[in-house]
Structure formats: structure tokens, C-alpha cells
């Protein structure tokens, strides 16, 4: 009997490839979310530093309208930038969630084929065991049908002795 060969092996390889591709795409989507979160943290940190600089300038008592306007514009730009990044993060999170769902579908399809292969392999192994038992039973039954060699006489030997047939005397 030939060895086990899964009839859907090519499809299984394609599903494996698809699953790993989708998993990588989901990982990239998550990485973009993390990068955007880091950019938001930096933008908020810069916004806080700009507000601190603006407060220090006001407290210094040396009021300069041009500098005040420039600092206010910087604070507003940083606020806008942080809001844009938050909106971008929300969109990236939606995309990452959609990609996760695609990956989970691919993983489910892959696991289905894995279960099919395992089932087919179990059937194949059961068939091998059944055939092996049949062969052993057949061997045992054919061995049992032969004359025993325990009596000292070989199964192929003639009961008349080593010459085969008894020699006849001519009278």
C-alpha cells in the first residue's frame, strides 16, 4: 500500500500561505496603530511644552504681541495635529479590526483543512492497521495448516526416510 497522501494538500498549502499573508497584514496594521499612538503622544508632549512656554512668557512680564501670537498659533497647530492623528488612529484601528477579521477567516479555513487532513490520516492509519491484522491472521492461519515440525520430521520430508520412497526388494 502506498503512503498517506492528502488529496487536498495543494489547497492546504494555499490556505497556509494565505493565512500567513493575512497574519502579516494584520501585524502591519497593528504596527501602524502603534506608530500613530506614539506620534499622538509626541504631539501632546509638544503641545504641553508649547503651553508651558506660553505661560512662562506671560509670567515673565515682558509682553511681546508678536511672540504671543506665534506661540498661540503653534499651540493651535499642535492641537489640530493631535486631533488629526487621533482621527487617523481611529481609522487605522477600524482597518486593523477589518484585517483581523480577514485573518481569522483565513485561519479558520486553514484549521478546517488541518482537521480534514488529520481525519484522512486517521482513516489511512486505521486501514493500514486492519490490513496488517489481516496479513497476520492469514499468516497465522497458513502456518497453522502446515504439519508441525515439532515431531522431528521436516514438513517436506517423506515419512519413508531420506530416499523418498521405500526401496523395493526384488524377489
C-alpha atoms as a PDB file:
ATOM      1  CA  UNK A   1       0.000   0.000   0.000  1.00  0.00           C
ATOM      2  CA  UNK A   2       1.281   3.432  -0.796  1.00  0.00           C
ATOM      3  CA  UNK A   3       1.977   6.046   1.837  1.00  0.00           C
ATOM      4  CA  UNK A   4      -0.512   8.619   3.016  1.00  0.00           C
ATOM      5  CA  UNK A   5      -1.259  11.385   0.569  1.00  0.00           C
ATOM      6  CA  UNK A   6      -3.738  14.111   1.482  1.00  0.00           C
ATOM      7  CA  UNK A   7      -5.958  14.767  -1.513  1.00  0.00           C
ATOM      8  CA  UNK A   8      -6.317  18.464  -0.666  1.00  0.00           C
ATOM      9  CA  UNK A   9      -2.613  19.067   0.001  1.00  0.00           C
ATOM     10  CA  UNK A  10      -2.306  21.801  -2.623  1.00  0.00           C
ATOM     11  CA  UNK A  11      -5.314  23.637  -1.267  1.00  0.00           C
ATOM     12  CA  UNK A  12      -3.893  23.256   2.238  1.00  0.00           C
ATOM     13  CA  UNK A  13      -0.594  24.830   1.141  1.00  0.00           C
ATOM     14  CA  UNK A  14      -2.511  27.718  -0.441  1.00  0.00           C
ATOM     15  CA  UNK A  15      -4.555  28.205   2.713  1.00  0.00           C
ATOM     16  CA  UNK A  16      -1.369  28.129   4.808  1.00  0.00           C
ATOM     17  CA  UNK A  17       0.169  30.768   2.570  1.00  0.00           C
ATOM     18  CA  UNK A  18      -2.996  32.868   2.656  1.00  0.00           C
ATOM     19  CA  UNK A  19      -3.209  32.634   6.441  1.00  0.00           C
ATOM     20  CA  UNK A  20       0.409  33.705   6.920  1.00  0.00           C
ATOM     21  CA  UNK A  21      -0.055  36.576   4.431  1.00  0.00           C
ATOM     22  CA  UNK A  22      -3.176  37.798   6.239  1.00  0.00           C
ATOM     23  CA  UNK A  23      -1.488  37.428   9.633  1.00  0.00           C
ATOM     24  CA  UNK A  24       1.413  39.561   8.389  1.00  0.00           C
ATOM     25  CA  UNK A  25      -1.005  42.174   7.019  1.00  0.00           C
ATOM     26  CA  UNK A  26      -2.776  42.282  10.378  1.00  0.00           C
ATOM     27  CA  UNK A  27       0.590  42.695  12.122  1.00  0.00           C
ATOM     28  CA  UNK A  28       1.451  45.608   9.827  1.00  0.00           C
ATOM     29  CA  UNK A  29      -1.923  47.233  10.542  1.00  0.00           C
ATOM     30  CA  UNK A  30      -1.302  46.905  14.276  1.00  0.00           C
ATOM     31  CA  UNK A  31       2.187  48.362  13.862  1.00  0.00           C
ATOM     32  CA  UNK A  32       0.721  51.407  12.067  1.00  0.00           C
ATOM     33  CA  UNK A  33      -1.653  51.888  15.003  1.00  0.00           C
ATOM     34  CA  UNK A  34       1.211  51.744  17.489  1.00  0.00           C
ATOM     35  CA  UNK A  35       3.249  54.209  15.418  1.00  0.00           C
ATOM     36  CA  UNK A  36       0.308  56.613  15.293  1.00  0.00           C
ATOM     37  CA  UNK A  37      -0.209  56.283  19.061  1.00  0.00           C
ATOM     38  CA  UNK A  38       3.441  57.219  19.529  1.00  0.00           C
ATOM     39  CA  UNK A  39       3.010  60.210  17.224  1.00  0.00           C
ATOM     40  CA  UNK A  40      -0.032  61.299  19.235  1.00  0.00           C
ATOM     41  CA  UNK A  41       1.990  61.059  22.443  1.00  0.00           C
ATOM     42  CA  UNK A  42       4.764  63.177  20.878  1.00  0.00           C
ATOM     43  CA  UNK A  43       2.257  65.740  19.572  1.00  0.00           C
ATOM     44  CA  UNK A  44       0.630  66.008  23.014  1.00  0.00           C
ATOM     45  CA  UNK A  45       4.043  66.336  24.616  1.00  0.00           C
ATOM     46  CA  UNK A  46       4.969  69.137  22.169  1.00  0.00           C
ATOM     47  CA  UNK A  47       1.591  70.780  22.810  1.00  0.00           C
ATOM     48  CA  UNK A  48       2.235  70.696  26.552  1.00  0.00           C
ATOM     49  CA  UNK A  49       5.716  72.167  26.068  1.00  0.00           C
ATOM     50  CA  UNK A  50       4.288  74.953  23.883  1.00  0.00           C
ATOM     51  CA  UNK A  51       1.652  75.776  26.510  1.00  0.00           C
ATOM     52  CA  UNK A  52       4.341  75.828  29.213  1.00  0.00           C
ATOM     53  CA  UNK A  53       6.475  78.173  27.097  1.00  0.00           C
ATOM     54  CA  UNK A  54       3.468  80.420  26.507  1.00  0.00           C
ATOM     55  CA  UNK A  55       2.694  80.548  30.267  1.00  0.00           C
ATOM     56  CA  UNK A  56       6.317  81.325  31.097  1.00  0.00           C
ATOM     57  CA  UNK A  57       6.353  84.178  28.577  1.00  0.00           C
ATOM     58  CA  UNK A  58       3.172  85.620  30.109  1.00  0.00           C
ATOM     59  CA  UNK A  59       4.526  85.313  33.629  1.00  0.00           C
ATOM     60  CA  UNK A  60       7.836  86.940  32.708  1.00  0.00           C
ATOM     61  CA  UNK A  61       6.058  90.254  32.376  1.00  0.00           C
ATOM     62  CA  UNK A  62       7.782  91.047  29.119  1.00  0.00           C
ATOM     63  CA  UNK A  63       4.725  91.062  26.857  1.00  0.00           C
ATOM     64  CA  UNK A  64       5.527  90.884  23.164  1.00  0.00           C
ATOM     65  CA  UNK A  65       2.432  90.650  20.981  1.00  0.00           C
ATOM     66  CA  UNK A  66       4.232  89.027  18.009  1.00  0.00           C
ATOM     67  CA  UNK A  67       5.737  86.335  20.193  1.00  0.00           C
ATOM     68  CA  UNK A  68       2.387  85.760  21.922  1.00  0.00           C
ATOM     69  CA  UNK A  69       0.638  85.361  18.562  1.00  0.00           C
ATOM     70  CA  UNK A  70       3.329  82.978  17.309  1.00  0.00           C
ATOM     71  CA  UNK A  71       3.106  80.849  20.437  1.00  0.00           C
ATOM     72  CA  UNK A  72      -0.698  80.792  20.253  1.00  0.00           C
ATOM     73  CA  UNK A  73      -0.532  79.742  16.588  1.00  0.00           C
ATOM     74  CA  UNK A  74       1.923  76.971  17.497  1.00  0.00           C
ATOM     75  CA  UNK A  75      -0.348  75.730  20.286  1.00  0.00           C
ATOM     76  CA  UNK A  76      -3.327  75.685  17.906  1.00  0.00           C
ATOM     77  CA  UNK A  77      -1.375  73.877  15.179  1.00  0.00           C
ATOM     78  CA  UNK A  78      -0.232  71.251  17.660  1.00  0.00           C
ATOM     79  CA  UNK A  79      -3.823  70.793  18.900  1.00  0.00           C
ATOM     80  CA  UNK A  80      -5.037  70.383  15.312  1.00  0.00           C
ATOM     81  CA  UNK A  81      -2.223  67.971  14.554  1.00  0.00           C
ATOM     82  CA  UNK A  82      -3.061  65.873  17.637  1.00  0.00           C
ATOM     83  CA  UNK A  83      -6.767  65.806  16.623  1.00  0.00           C
ATOM     84  CA  UNK A  84      -5.846  64.711  13.106  1.00  0.00           C
ATOM     85  CA  UNK A  85      -3.639  61.981  14.481  1.00  0.00           C
ATOM     86  CA  UNK A  86      -6.438  60.785  16.769  1.00  0.00           C
ATOM     87  CA  UNK A  87      -8.828  60.641  13.798  1.00  0.00           C
ATOM     88  CA  UNK A  88      -6.170  58.829  11.778  1.00  0.00           C
ATOM     89  CA  UNK A  89      -5.676  56.381  14.655  1.00  0.00           C
ATOM     90  CA  UNK A  90      -9.407  55.648  14.765  1.00  0.00           C
ATOM     91  CA  UNK A  91      -9.390  54.922  11.028  1.00  0.00           C
ATOM     92  CA  UNK A  92      -6.288  52.727  11.378  1.00  0.00           C
ATOM     93  CA  UNK A  93      -7.926  50.837  14.235  1.00  0.00           C
ATOM     94  CA  UNK A  94     -11.009  50.173  12.061  1.00  0.00           C
ATOM     95  CA  UNK A  95      -8.745  48.944   9.260  1.00  0.00           C
ATOM     96  CA  UNK A  96      -6.797  46.767  11.693  1.00  0.00           C
ATOM     97  CA  UNK A  97     -10.038  45.274  13.016  1.00  0.00           C
ATOM     98  CA  UNK A  98     -11.204  44.524   9.468  1.00  0.00           C
ATOM     99  CA  UNK A  99      -7.808  42.945   8.730  1.00  0.00           C
ATOM    100  CA  UNK A 100      -8.069  40.871  11.921  1.00  0.00           C
ATOM    101  CA  UNK A 101     -11.427  39.523  10.737  1.00  0.00           C
ATOM    102  CA  UNK A 102      -9.923  38.622   7.337  1.00  0.00           C
ATOM    103  CA  UNK A 103      -7.043  36.877   9.102  1.00  0.00           C
ATOM    104  CA  UNK A 104      -9.414  34.965  11.408  1.00  0.00           C
ATOM    105  CA  UNK A 105     -11.434  33.742   8.394  1.00  0.00           C
ATOM    106  CA  UNK A 106      -8.209  32.594   6.726  1.00  0.00           C
ATOM    107  CA  UNK A 107      -7.123  30.891   9.937  1.00  0.00           C
ATOM    108  CA  UNK A 108     -10.497  29.137  10.226  1.00  0.00           C
ATOM    109  CA  UNK A 109     -10.207  27.881   6.646  1.00  0.00           C
ATOM    110  CA  UNK A 110      -6.680  26.659   7.357  1.00  0.00           C
ATOM    111  CA  UNK A 111      -7.750  24.870  10.540  1.00  0.00           C
ATOM    112  CA  UNK A 112     -10.634  23.215   8.688  1.00  0.00           C
ATOM    113  CA  UNK A 113      -8.198  21.700   6.210  1.00  0.00           C
ATOM    114  CA  UNK A 114      -5.884  20.642   9.023  1.00  0.00           C
ATOM    115  CA  UNK A 115      -8.781  18.790  10.659  1.00  0.00           C
ATOM    116  CA  UNK A 116      -9.653  17.167   7.320  1.00  0.00           C
ATOM    117  CA  UNK A 117      -6.045  16.044   6.843  1.00  0.00           C
ATOM    118  CA  UNK A 118      -5.925  14.650  10.385  1.00  0.00           C
ATOM    119  CA  UNK A 119      -9.198  12.794   9.821  1.00  0.00           C
ATOM    120  CA  UNK A 120      -7.975  11.365   6.499  1.00  0.00           C
ATOM    121  CA  UNK A 121      -4.682  10.356   8.129  1.00  0.00           C
ATOM    122  CA  UNK A 122      -6.556   8.596  10.942  1.00  0.00           C
ATOM    123  CA  UNK A 123      -8.628   6.683   8.374  1.00  0.00           C
ATOM    124  CA  UNK A 124      -5.455   5.787   6.469  1.00  0.00           C
ATOM    125  CA  UNK A 125      -3.747   4.538   9.627  1.00  0.00           C
ATOM    126  CA  UNK A 126      -6.841   2.522  10.586  1.00  0.00           C
ATOM    127  CA  UNK A 127      -6.818   0.927   7.111  1.00  0.00           C
ATOM    128  CA  UNK A 128      -3.115   0.107   7.484  1.00  0.00           C
ATOM    129  CA  UNK A 129      -3.722  -1.498  10.869  1.00  0.00           C
ATOM    130  CA  UNK A 130      -6.668  -3.512   9.523  1.00  0.00           C
ATOM    131  CA  UNK A 131      -4.614  -4.770   6.579  1.00  0.00           C
ATOM    132  CA  UNK A 132      -1.707  -5.627   8.840  1.00  0.00           C
ATOM    133  CA  UNK A 133      -4.043  -7.607  11.126  1.00  0.00           C
ATOM    134  CA  UNK A 134      -5.497  -9.406   8.094  1.00  0.00           C
ATOM    135  CA  UNK A 135      -1.994 -10.293   6.879  1.00  0.00           C
ATOM    136  CA  UNK A 136      -1.009 -11.516  10.336  1.00  0.00           C
ATOM    137  CA  UNK A 137      -4.194 -13.574  10.613  1.00  0.00           C
ATOM    138  CA  UNK A 138      -3.604 -15.042   7.158  1.00  0.00           C
ATOM    139  CA  UNK A 139      -0.001 -15.824   8.012  1.00  0.00           C
ATOM    140  CA  UNK A 140      -1.033 -17.423  11.285  1.00  0.00           C
ATOM    141  CA  UNK A 141      -3.754 -19.495   9.637  1.00  0.00           C
ATOM    142  CA  UNK A 142      -1.430 -20.720   6.870  1.00  0.00           C
ATOM    143  CA  UNK A 143       1.232 -21.547   9.432  1.00  0.00           C
ATOM    144  CA  UNK A 144      -1.303 -23.470  11.480  1.00  0.00           C
ATOM    145  CA  UNK A 145      -2.410 -25.524   8.456  1.00  0.00           C
ATOM    146  CA  UNK A 146       1.096 -26.957   7.850  1.00  0.00           C
ATOM    147  CA  UNK A 147       2.269 -30.087   9.628  1.00  0.00           C
ATOM    148  CA  UNK A 148       4.191 -29.330  12.721  1.00  0.00           C
ATOM    149  CA  UNK A 149       7.951 -29.652  12.773  1.00  0.00           C
ATOM    150  CA  UNK A 150       7.859 -30.454  16.456  1.00  0.00           C
ATOM    151  CA  UNK A 151       7.677 -34.213  15.808  1.00  0.00           C
ATOM    152  CA  UNK A 152      11.158 -34.094  14.391  1.00  0.00           C
ATOM    153  CA  UNK A 153      10.093 -34.660  10.832  1.00  0.00           C
ATOM    154  CA  UNK A 154      10.507 -31.764   8.483  1.00  0.00           C
ATOM    155  CA  UNK A 155       7.191 -30.752   6.896  1.00  0.00           C
ATOM    156  CA  UNK A 156       8.511 -31.538   3.406  1.00  0.00           C
ATOM    157  CA  UNK A 157      10.214 -34.821   4.369  1.00  0.00           C
ATOM    158  CA  UNK A 158       8.720 -38.113   3.394  1.00  0.00           C
ATOM    159  CA  UNK A 159       7.747 -40.494   6.156  1.00  0.00           C
ATOM    160  CA  UNK A 160       9.612 -43.241   4.319  1.00  0.00           C
ATOM    161  CA  UNK A 161      13.030 -41.853   5.067  1.00  0.00           C
ATOM    162  CA  UNK A 162      15.708 -39.845   3.352  1.00  0.00           C
ATOM    163  CA  UNK A 163      15.478 -41.576  -0.011  1.00  0.00           C
ATOM    164  CA  UNK A 164      11.952 -40.591  -0.527  1.00  0.00           C
ATOM    165  CA  UNK A 165      10.176 -43.809  -1.271  1.00  0.00           C
ATOM    166  CA  UNK A 166      10.998 -47.187   0.206  1.00  0.00           C
ATOM    167  CA  UNK A 167      13.268 -49.172  -1.799  1.00  0.00           C
ATOM    168  CA  UNK A 168      11.684 -52.345  -3.036  1.00  0.00           C
ATOM    169  CA  UNK A 169      13.443 -55.583  -2.974  1.00  0.00           C
ATOM    170  CA  UNK A 170      13.203 -57.729  -5.952  1.00  0.00           C
ATOM    171  CA  UNK A 171      12.434 -61.219  -5.196  1.00  0.00           C
END
